[in-house]
Amino acid sequence: MPHGATGWVGLATLLAFVAAALFPAHRLLVRLPDRLRPGFRASAWLRAHRAIGGLALVLACIHVGARWPRGSTGLVLLSLLVLSLASAALIELLVKQIPRLLTERLRVSEPAALVPARVAQLAEEARTLAAGFPPAARQAFDTGVAPQLAALRVRLRPPAPAEVAAPVAAIEAAWPAVTDLERETLDDLRTLLREKLELDTQHGLEGALGLARLAHALVSGALIGLAAVHGSSFWIY
């Protein structure tokens, strides 16, 4: 059993961390029929996660008496707590910024599950456009545009206009004489390249959010596990 007020506060801190860690369970609840989850709202679950996490932080401060921890275990617990808070803050930032970027800075976006298929389609459409290019223009396409369309890449910012224009401009420069119809083809190729780079950006941002969530889960799990070991050692001995 806990010893004294400090021990009981430590136990309450651990229980609060465990309760906050139940947040991923909401993904299981949303799959249940409505009659089995009356009044369930994912947003309310998220608010509860934040509130309980904040309560756990306050209880942890009370438990240590707002003093710098002594010993290696205390320092590791503090480090894990800081990393957990930092990863949570990063998740909050990405959750707010990614939708804004997708709607305000990117012209196209796709559901994450459909992005690989769309990238493959863009590459095929570009190869079709390039099939009739003169040899020098086709070489410029193969070296400047085709590699960027070949596979999904990780980007964390929207493409700059020059990143889209420069590879296509190199193709146009290698073309002996560009007619109006051929210039339309190059415009279509430029559109395909811009869409691919924007899908790379979407992929990168969503991947960063996934990594932040994974890091938060791993760090928080380690924090709870070590806190449980730390507390049980005092209660037993």
C-alpha atoms as a PDB file:
ATOM      1  CA  MET A   1       0.000   0.000   0.000  1.00  0.00           C
ATOM      2  CA  PRO A   2       1.127   3.611  -0.558  1.00  0.00           C
ATOM      3  CA  HIS A   3       2.892   5.259   2.357  1.00  0.00           C
ATOM      4  CA  GLY A   4       1.572   8.672   3.416  1.00  0.00           C
ATOM      5  CA  ALA A   5       0.086  11.449   1.325  1.00  0.00           C
ATOM      6  CA  THR A   6       2.976  11.437  -1.138  1.00  0.00           C
ATOM      7  CA  GLY A   7       2.426   7.763  -1.878  1.00  0.00           C
ATOM      8  CA  TRP A   8      -1.292   8.228  -2.477  1.00  0.00           C
ATOM      9  CA  VAL A   9      -0.627  11.186  -4.778  1.00  0.00           C
ATOM     10  CA  GLY A  10       1.877   9.042  -6.653  1.00  0.00           C
ATOM     11  CA  LEU A  11      -0.735   6.310  -7.046  1.00  0.00           C
ATOM     12  CA  ALA A  12      -3.278   8.874  -8.289  1.00  0.00           C
ATOM     13  CA  THR A  13      -0.683  10.154 -10.767  1.00  0.00           C
ATOM     14  CA  LEU A  14      -0.098   6.665 -12.134  1.00  0.00           C
ATOM     15  CA  LEU A  15      -3.829   5.991 -12.441  1.00  0.00           C
ATOM     16  CA  ALA A  16      -4.312   9.306 -14.245  1.00  0.00           C
ATOM     17  CA  PHE A  17      -1.577   8.423 -16.738  1.00  0.00           C
ATOM     18  CA  VAL A  18      -3.158   5.021 -17.314  1.00  0.00           C
ATOM     19  CA  ALA A  19      -6.568   6.625 -17.858  1.00  0.00           C
ATOM     20  CA  ALA A  20      -5.072   9.081 -20.347  1.00  0.00           C
ATOM     21  CA  ALA A  21      -3.418   6.172 -22.152  1.00  0.00           C
ATOM     22  CA  LEU A  22      -6.847   4.665 -22.854  1.00  0.00           C
ATOM     23  CA  PHE A  23      -7.432   7.298 -25.540  1.00  0.00           C
ATOM     24  CA  PRO A  24      -6.686   4.944 -28.493  1.00  0.00           C
ATOM     25  CA  ALA A  25      -9.608   2.792 -27.366  1.00  0.00           C
ATOM     26  CA  HIS A  26     -11.951   5.300 -29.011  1.00  0.00           C
ATOM     27  CA  ARG A  27     -10.964   3.790 -32.379  1.00  0.00           C
ATOM     28  CA  LEU A  28     -12.526   0.530 -31.212  1.00  0.00           C
ATOM     29  CA  LEU A  29     -15.633   2.232 -29.882  1.00  0.00           C
ATOM     30  CA  VAL A  30     -16.427   3.953 -33.178  1.00  0.00           C
ATOM     31  CA  ARG A  31     -16.740   0.514 -34.799  1.00  0.00           C
ATOM     32  CA  LEU A  32     -19.457  -0.563 -32.396  1.00  0.00           C
ATOM     33  CA  PRO A  33     -23.151  -0.162 -33.286  1.00  0.00           C
ATOM     34  CA  ASP A  34     -24.738   3.065 -32.059  1.00  0.00           C
ATOM     35  CA  ARG A  35     -26.858   1.200 -29.528  1.00  0.00           C
ATOM     36  CA  LEU A  36     -23.698  -0.073 -27.808  1.00  0.00           C
ATOM     37  CA  ARG A  37     -22.056   3.367 -27.546  1.00  0.00           C
ATOM     38  CA  PRO A  38     -24.831   5.845 -26.692  1.00  0.00           C
ATOM     39  CA  GLY A  39     -23.680   9.454 -26.742  1.00  0.00           C
ATOM     40  CA  PHE A  40     -20.110   8.584 -27.801  1.00  0.00           C
ATOM     41  CA  ARG A  41     -18.221  11.458 -29.403  1.00  0.00           C
ATOM     42  CA  ALA A  42     -14.584  11.229 -30.483  1.00  0.00           C
ATOM     43  CA  SER A  43     -14.143  14.948 -29.751  1.00  0.00           C
ATOM     44  CA  ALA A  44     -15.338  14.457 -26.171  1.00  0.00           C
ATOM     45  CA  TRP A  45     -12.929  11.533 -25.783  1.00  0.00           C
ATOM     46  CA  LEU A  46     -10.082  13.776 -26.991  1.00  0.00           C
ATOM     47  CA  ARG A  47     -11.043  16.531 -24.529  1.00  0.00           C
ATOM     48  CA  ALA A  48     -11.067  13.969 -21.731  1.00  0.00           C
ATOM     49  CA  HIS A  49      -7.621  12.724 -22.831  1.00  0.00           C
ATOM     50  CA  ARG A  50      -6.239  16.257 -22.656  1.00  0.00           C
ATOM     51  CA  ALA A  51      -7.871  17.005 -19.306  1.00  0.00           C
ATOM     52  CA  ILE A  52      -6.715  13.759 -17.679  1.00  0.00           C
ATOM     53  CA  GLY A  53      -3.221  14.229 -19.080  1.00  0.00           C
ATOM     54  CA  GLY A  54      -3.130  17.728 -17.594  1.00  0.00           C
ATOM     55  CA  LEU A  55      -4.362  16.378 -14.273  1.00  0.00           C
ATOM     56  CA  ALA A  56      -1.630  13.727 -14.328  1.00  0.00           C
ATOM     57  CA  LEU A  57       0.986  16.439 -14.891  1.00  0.00           C
ATOM     58  CA  VAL A  58      -0.312  18.476 -11.932  1.00  0.00           C
ATOM     59  CA  LEU A  59      -0.373  15.401  -9.706  1.00  0.00           C
ATOM     60  CA  ALA A  60       3.178  14.518 -10.757  1.00  0.00           C
ATOM     61  CA  CYS A  61       4.353  17.999  -9.735  1.00  0.00           C
ATOM     62  CA  ILE A  62       2.605  17.647  -6.380  1.00  0.00           C
ATOM     63  CA  HIS A  63       4.089  14.181  -5.915  1.00  0.00           C
ATOM     64  CA  VAL A  64       7.688  15.376  -6.304  1.00  0.00           C
ATOM     65  CA  GLY A  65       7.001  18.618  -4.430  1.00  0.00           C
ATOM     66  CA  ALA A  66       7.991  20.748  -7.452  1.00  0.00           C
ATOM     67  CA  ARG A  67      11.616  19.777  -6.783  1.00  0.00           C
ATOM     68  CA  TRP A  68      14.277  18.600  -9.203  1.00  0.00           C
ATOM     69  CA  PRO A  69      14.160  14.776  -9.107  1.00  0.00           C
ATOM     70  CA  ARG A  70      16.912  12.906  -7.314  1.00  0.00           C
ATOM     71  CA  GLY A  71      18.422   9.719  -8.655  1.00  0.00           C
ATOM     72  CA  SER A  72      18.549   8.213 -12.118  1.00  0.00           C
ATOM     73  CA  THR A  73      14.978   6.888 -12.001  1.00  0.00           C
ATOM     74  CA  GLY A  74      13.583  10.328 -11.253  1.00  0.00           C
ATOM     75  CA  LEU A  75      15.591  11.897 -14.065  1.00  0.00           C
ATOM     76  CA  VAL A  76      14.457   9.243 -16.545  1.00  0.00           C
ATOM     77  CA  LEU A  77      10.838   9.724 -15.481  1.00  0.00           C
ATOM     78  CA  LEU A  78      11.198  13.479 -15.926  1.00  0.00           C
ATOM     79  CA  SER A  79      12.776  13.010 -19.359  1.00  0.00           C
ATOM     80  CA  LEU A  80       9.977  10.690 -20.464  1.00  0.00           C
ATOM     81  CA  LEU A  81       7.389  13.143 -19.179  1.00  0.00           C
ATOM     82  CA  VAL A  82       8.977  16.015 -21.131  1.00  0.00           C
ATOM     83  CA  LEU A  83       9.162  13.883 -24.294  1.00  0.00           C
ATOM     84  CA  SER A  84       5.550  12.828 -23.851  1.00  0.00           C
ATOM     85  CA  LEU A  85       4.429  16.452 -23.523  1.00  0.00           C
ATOM     86  CA  ALA A  86       6.580  17.536 -26.482  1.00  0.00           C
ATOM     87  CA  SER A  87       5.209  14.796 -28.743  1.00  0.00           C
ATOM     88  CA  ALA A  88       1.667  15.674 -27.649  1.00  0.00           C
ATOM     89  CA  ALA A  89       2.296  19.336 -28.509  1.00  0.00           C
ATOM     90  CA  LEU A  90       3.682  18.308 -31.923  1.00  0.00           C
ATOM     91  CA  ILE A  91       0.590  16.208 -32.576  1.00  0.00           C
ATOM     92  CA  GLU A  92      -1.666  19.140 -31.680  1.00  0.00           C
ATOM     93  CA  LEU A  93       0.309  21.398 -34.042  1.00  0.00           C
ATOM     94  CA  LEU A  94       0.190  18.938 -36.936  1.00  0.00           C
ATOM     95  CA  VAL A  95      -3.497  18.169 -36.446  1.00  0.00           C
ATOM     96  CA  LYS A  96      -4.271  21.880 -36.735  1.00  0.00           C
ATOM     97  CA  GLN A  97      -1.819  22.744 -39.507  1.00  0.00           C
ATOM     98  CA  ILE A  98      -2.189  19.806 -41.896  1.00  0.00           C
ATOM     99  CA  PRO A  99      -5.847  20.488 -42.830  1.00  0.00           C
ATOM    100  CA  ARG A 100      -5.022  24.168 -43.312  1.00  0.00           C
ATOM    101  CA  LEU A 101      -2.107  23.340 -45.585  1.00  0.00           C
ATOM    102  CA  LEU A 102      -4.161  20.840 -47.569  1.00  0.00           C
ATOM    103  CA  THR A 103      -6.955  23.335 -48.170  1.00  0.00           C
ATOM    104  CA  GLU A 104      -5.054  26.615 -48.487  1.00  0.00           C
ATOM    105  CA  ARG A 105      -1.631  25.743 -49.924  1.00  0.00           C
ATOM    106  CA  LEU A 106      -2.301  22.630 -52.002  1.00  0.00           C
ATOM    107  CA  ARG A 107      -4.533  22.516 -55.045  1.00  0.00           C
ATOM    108  CA  VAL A 108      -5.159  18.785 -54.842  1.00  0.00           C
ATOM    109  CA  SER A 109      -5.364  16.167 -52.118  1.00  0.00           C
ATOM    110  CA  GLU A 110      -6.547  12.581 -51.971  1.00  0.00           C
ATOM    111  CA  PRO A 111      -7.625  10.190 -49.217  1.00  0.00           C
ATOM    112  CA  ALA A 112      -4.420   8.629 -47.908  1.00  0.00           C
ATOM    113  CA  ALA A 113      -5.385   5.139 -49.080  1.00  0.00           C
ATOM    114  CA  LEU A 114      -5.814   6.353 -52.667  1.00  0.00           C
ATOM    115  CA  VAL A 115      -2.591   8.364 -52.945  1.00  0.00           C
ATOM    116  CA  PRO A 116      -0.316   5.502 -54.189  1.00  0.00           C
ATOM    117  CA  ALA A 117      -2.772   4.580 -56.956  1.00  0.00           C
ATOM    118  CA  ARG A 118      -3.098   8.207 -58.019  1.00  0.00           C
ATOM    119  CA  VAL A 119       0.705   8.589 -58.134  1.00  0.00           C
ATOM    120  CA  ALA A 120       0.972   5.544 -60.393  1.00  0.00           C
ATOM    121  CA  GLN A 121      -1.744   7.001 -62.619  1.00  0.00           C
ATOM    122  CA  LEU A 122       0.089  10.332 -62.870  1.00  0.00           C
ATOM    123  CA  ALA A 123       3.302   8.572 -63.894  1.00  0.00           C
ATOM    124  CA  GLU A 124       1.461   6.615 -66.590  1.00  0.00           C
ATOM    125  CA  GLU A 125      -0.229   9.746 -67.936  1.00  0.00           C
ATOM    126  CA  ALA A 126       3.134  11.522 -68.076  1.00  0.00           C
ATOM    127  CA  ARG A 127       4.735   8.635 -69.966  1.00  0.00           C
ATOM    128  CA  THR A 128       1.883   8.761 -72.447  1.00  0.00           C
ATOM    129  CA  LEU A 129       2.445  12.488 -72.988  1.00  0.00           C
ATOM    130  CA  ALA A 130       6.187  11.958 -73.428  1.00  0.00           C
ATOM    131  CA  ALA A 131       5.793   9.133 -75.929  1.00  0.00           C
ATOM    132  CA  GLY A 132       5.813  11.569 -78.851  1.00  0.00           C
ATOM    133  CA  PHE A 133       8.639  13.822 -77.629  1.00  0.00           C
ATOM    134  CA  PRO A 134      11.713  14.336 -79.812  1.00  0.00           C
ATOM    135  CA  PRO A 135      14.814  12.418 -78.589  1.00  0.00           C
ATOM    136  CA  ALA A 136      16.440  15.381 -76.816  1.00  0.00           C
ATOM    137  CA  ALA A 137      13.169  16.376 -75.124  1.00  0.00           C
ATOM    138  CA  ARG A 138      12.508  12.762 -74.154  1.00  0.00           C
ATOM    139  CA  GLN A 139      15.944  12.558 -72.563  1.00  0.00           C
ATOM    140  CA  ALA A 140      15.197  15.733 -70.583  1.00  0.00           C
ATOM    141  CA  PHE A 141      11.920  14.157 -69.485  1.00  0.00           C
ATOM    142  CA  ASP A 142      13.616  10.905 -68.441  1.00  0.00           C
ATOM    143  CA  THR A 143      16.250  12.720 -66.362  1.00  0.00           C
ATOM    144  CA  GLY A 144      14.242  15.620 -64.929  1.00  0.00           C
ATOM    145  CA  VAL A 145      10.563  14.692 -64.662  1.00  0.00           C
ATOM    146  CA  ALA A 146      10.205  10.902 -64.748  1.00  0.00           C
ATOM    147  CA  PRO A 147      12.238  10.297 -61.534  1.00  0.00           C
ATOM    148  CA  GLN A 148      10.001  12.704 -59.611  1.00  0.00           C
ATOM    149  CA  LEU A 149       6.889  10.904 -60.843  1.00  0.00           C
ATOM    150  CA  ALA A 150       8.228   7.383 -60.367  1.00  0.00           C
ATOM    151  CA  ALA A 151       7.396   6.874 -56.696  1.00  0.00           C
ATOM    152  CA  LEU A 152       5.814   8.544 -53.722  1.00  0.00           C
ATOM    153  CA  ARG A 153       8.295  10.701 -51.809  1.00  0.00           C
ATOM    154  CA  VAL A 154       8.291  12.511 -48.496  1.00  0.00           C
ATOM    155  CA  ARG A 155       7.941  16.291 -48.601  1.00  0.00           C
ATOM    156  CA  LEU A 156       7.112  18.567 -45.686  1.00  0.00           C
ATOM    157  CA  ARG A 157       6.337  21.749 -47.621  1.00  0.00           C
ATOM    158  CA  PRO A 158       4.278  22.622 -50.712  1.00  0.00           C
ATOM    159  CA  PRO A 159       6.213  22.748 -53.989  1.00  0.00           C
ATOM    160  CA  ALA A 160       7.586  26.119 -55.036  1.00  0.00           C
ATOM    161  CA  PRO A 161       6.602  27.319 -58.530  1.00  0.00           C
ATOM    162  CA  ALA A 162      10.203  26.945 -59.706  1.00  0.00           C
ATOM    163  CA  GLU A 163      10.249  23.274 -58.673  1.00  0.00           C
ATOM    164  CA  VAL A 164       7.393  22.640 -61.094  1.00  0.00           C
ATOM    165  CA  ALA A 165       8.465  24.984 -63.862  1.00  0.00           C
ATOM    166  CA  ALA A 166      12.191  24.190 -64.106  1.00  0.00           C
ATOM    167  CA  PRO A 167      12.016  20.491 -65.155  1.00  0.00           C
ATOM    168  CA  VAL A 168       9.401  21.235 -67.825  1.00  0.00           C
ATOM    169  CA  ALA A 169      11.342  24.289 -69.001  1.00  0.00           C
ATOM    170  CA  ALA A 170      14.350  22.008 -69.544  1.00  0.00           C
ATOM    171  CA  ILE A 171      12.215  19.802 -71.789  1.00  0.00           C
ATOM    172  CA  GLU A 172      10.990  22.818 -73.729  1.00  0.00           C
ATOM    173  CA  ALA A 173      14.560  24.084 -74.129  1.00  0.00           C
ATOM    174  CA  ALA A 174      15.578  20.729 -75.616  1.00  0.00           C
ATOM    175  CA  TRP A 175      12.696  20.835 -78.097  1.00  0.00           C
ATOM    176  CA  PRO A 176      13.743  22.075 -81.573  1.00  0.00           C
ATOM    177  CA  ALA A 177      10.568  24.063 -82.210  1.00  0.00           C
ATOM    178  CA  VAL A 178       7.538  23.996 -79.943  1.00  0.00           C
ATOM    179  CA  THR A 179       4.140  24.440 -81.567  1.00  0.00           C
ATOM    180  CA  ASP A 180       1.049  25.666 -79.735  1.00  0.00           C
ATOM    181  CA  LEU A 181      -0.276  22.100 -79.501  1.00  0.00           C
ATOM    182  CA  GLU A 182       3.022  20.849 -78.101  1.00  0.00           C
ATOM    183  CA  ARG A 183       3.067  23.714 -75.607  1.00  0.00           C
ATOM    184  CA  GLU A 184      -0.351  22.539 -74.379  1.00  0.00           C
ATOM    185  CA  THR A 185       1.183  19.103 -73.883  1.00  0.00           C
ATOM    186  CA  LEU A 186       3.946  20.639 -71.793  1.00  0.00           C
ATOM    187  CA  ASP A 187       1.344  22.538 -69.778  1.00  0.00           C
ATOM    188  CA  ASP A 188      -0.432  19.233 -69.107  1.00  0.00           C
ATOM    189  CA  LEU A 189       2.873  17.714 -68.020  1.00  0.00           C
ATOM    190  CA  ARG A 190       3.486  20.663 -65.691  1.00  0.00           C
ATOM    191  CA  THR A 191       0.042  20.104 -64.141  1.00  0.00           C
ATOM    192  CA  LEU A 192       0.800  16.410 -63.584  1.00  0.00           C
ATOM    193  CA  LEU A 193       4.136  17.224 -61.964  1.00  0.00           C
ATOM    194  CA  ARG A 194       2.605  19.820 -59.643  1.00  0.00           C
ATOM    195  CA  GLU A 195      -0.095  17.382 -58.542  1.00  0.00           C
ATOM    196  CA  LYS A 196       2.528  14.694 -57.849  1.00  0.00           C
ATOM    197  CA  LEU A 197       4.643  17.061 -55.730  1.00  0.00           C
ATOM    198  CA  GLU A 198       1.565  18.157 -53.803  1.00  0.00           C
ATOM    199  CA  LEU A 199       0.651  14.521 -53.136  1.00  0.00           C
ATOM    200  CA  ASP A 200       4.231  14.025 -51.891  1.00  0.00           C
ATOM    201  CA  THR A 201       3.639  16.904 -49.480  1.00  0.00           C
ATOM    202  CA  GLN A 202       0.371  15.410 -48.257  1.00  0.00           C
ATOM    203  CA  HIS A 203       2.086  12.038 -47.821  1.00  0.00           C
ATOM    204  CA  GLY A 204       4.977  13.588 -45.889  1.00  0.00           C
ATOM    205  CA  LEU A 205       2.787  15.600 -43.533  1.00  0.00           C
ATOM    206  CA  GLU A 206       0.492  12.674 -42.794  1.00  0.00           C
ATOM    207  CA  GLY A 207       3.539  10.472 -42.246  1.00  0.00           C
ATOM    208  CA  ALA A 208       4.979  13.012 -39.811  1.00  0.00           C
ATOM    209  CA  LEU A 209       1.711  12.989 -37.879  1.00  0.00           C
ATOM    210  CA  GLY A 210       1.762   9.196 -37.760  1.00  0.00           C
ATOM    211  CA  LEU A 211       5.345   9.168 -36.468  1.00  0.00           C
ATOM    212  CA  ALA A 212       4.503  11.779 -33.837  1.00  0.00           C
ATOM    213  CA  ARG A 213       1.572   9.659 -32.640  1.00  0.00           C
ATOM    214  CA  LEU A 214       3.751   6.546 -32.542  1.00  0.00           C
ATOM    215  CA  ALA A 215       6.473   8.374 -30.599  1.00  0.00           C
ATOM    216  CA  HIS A 216       3.888   9.726 -28.155  1.00  0.00           C
ATOM    217  CA  ALA A 217       2.454   6.256 -27.585  1.00  0.00           C
ATOM    218  CA  LEU A 218       5.861   4.639 -27.067  1.00  0.00           C
ATOM    219  CA  VAL A 219       7.168   7.348 -24.747  1.00  0.00           C
ATOM    220  CA  SER A 220       3.938   7.459 -22.744  1.00  0.00           C
ATOM    221  CA  GLY A 221       3.924   3.674 -22.446  1.00  0.00           C
ATOM    222  CA  ALA A 222       7.511   3.710 -21.181  1.00  0.00           C
ATOM    223  CA  LEU A 223       6.596   6.481 -18.742  1.00  0.00           C
ATOM    224  CA  ILE A 224       3.664   4.526 -17.325  1.00  0.00           C
ATOM    225  CA  GLY A 225       5.676   1.307 -17.094  1.00  0.00           C
ATOM    226  CA  LEU A 226       8.610   2.911 -15.315  1.00  0.00           C
ATOM    227  CA  ALA A 227       6.273   4.859 -13.016  1.00  0.00           C
ATOM    228  CA  ALA A 228       4.542   1.600 -12.086  1.00  0.00           C
ATOM    229  CA  VAL A 229       7.872  -0.074 -11.312  1.00  0.00           C
ATOM    230  CA  HIS A 230       9.025   2.975  -9.358  1.00  0.00           C
ATOM    231  CA  GLY A 231       5.852   3.126  -7.306  1.00  0.00           C
ATOM    232  CA  SER A 232       5.653  -0.593  -6.617  1.00  0.00           C
ATOM    233  CA  SER A 233       9.228  -0.633  -5.309  1.00  0.00           C
ATOM    234  CA  PHE A 234       8.239   1.899  -2.647  1.00  0.00           C
ATOM    235  CA  TRP A 235       4.962   0.184  -1.784  1.00  0.00           C
ATOM    236  CA  ILE A 236       6.583  -3.240  -1.454  1.00  0.00           C
ATOM    237  CA  TYR A 237       9.795  -2.233   0.290  1.00  0.00           C
END
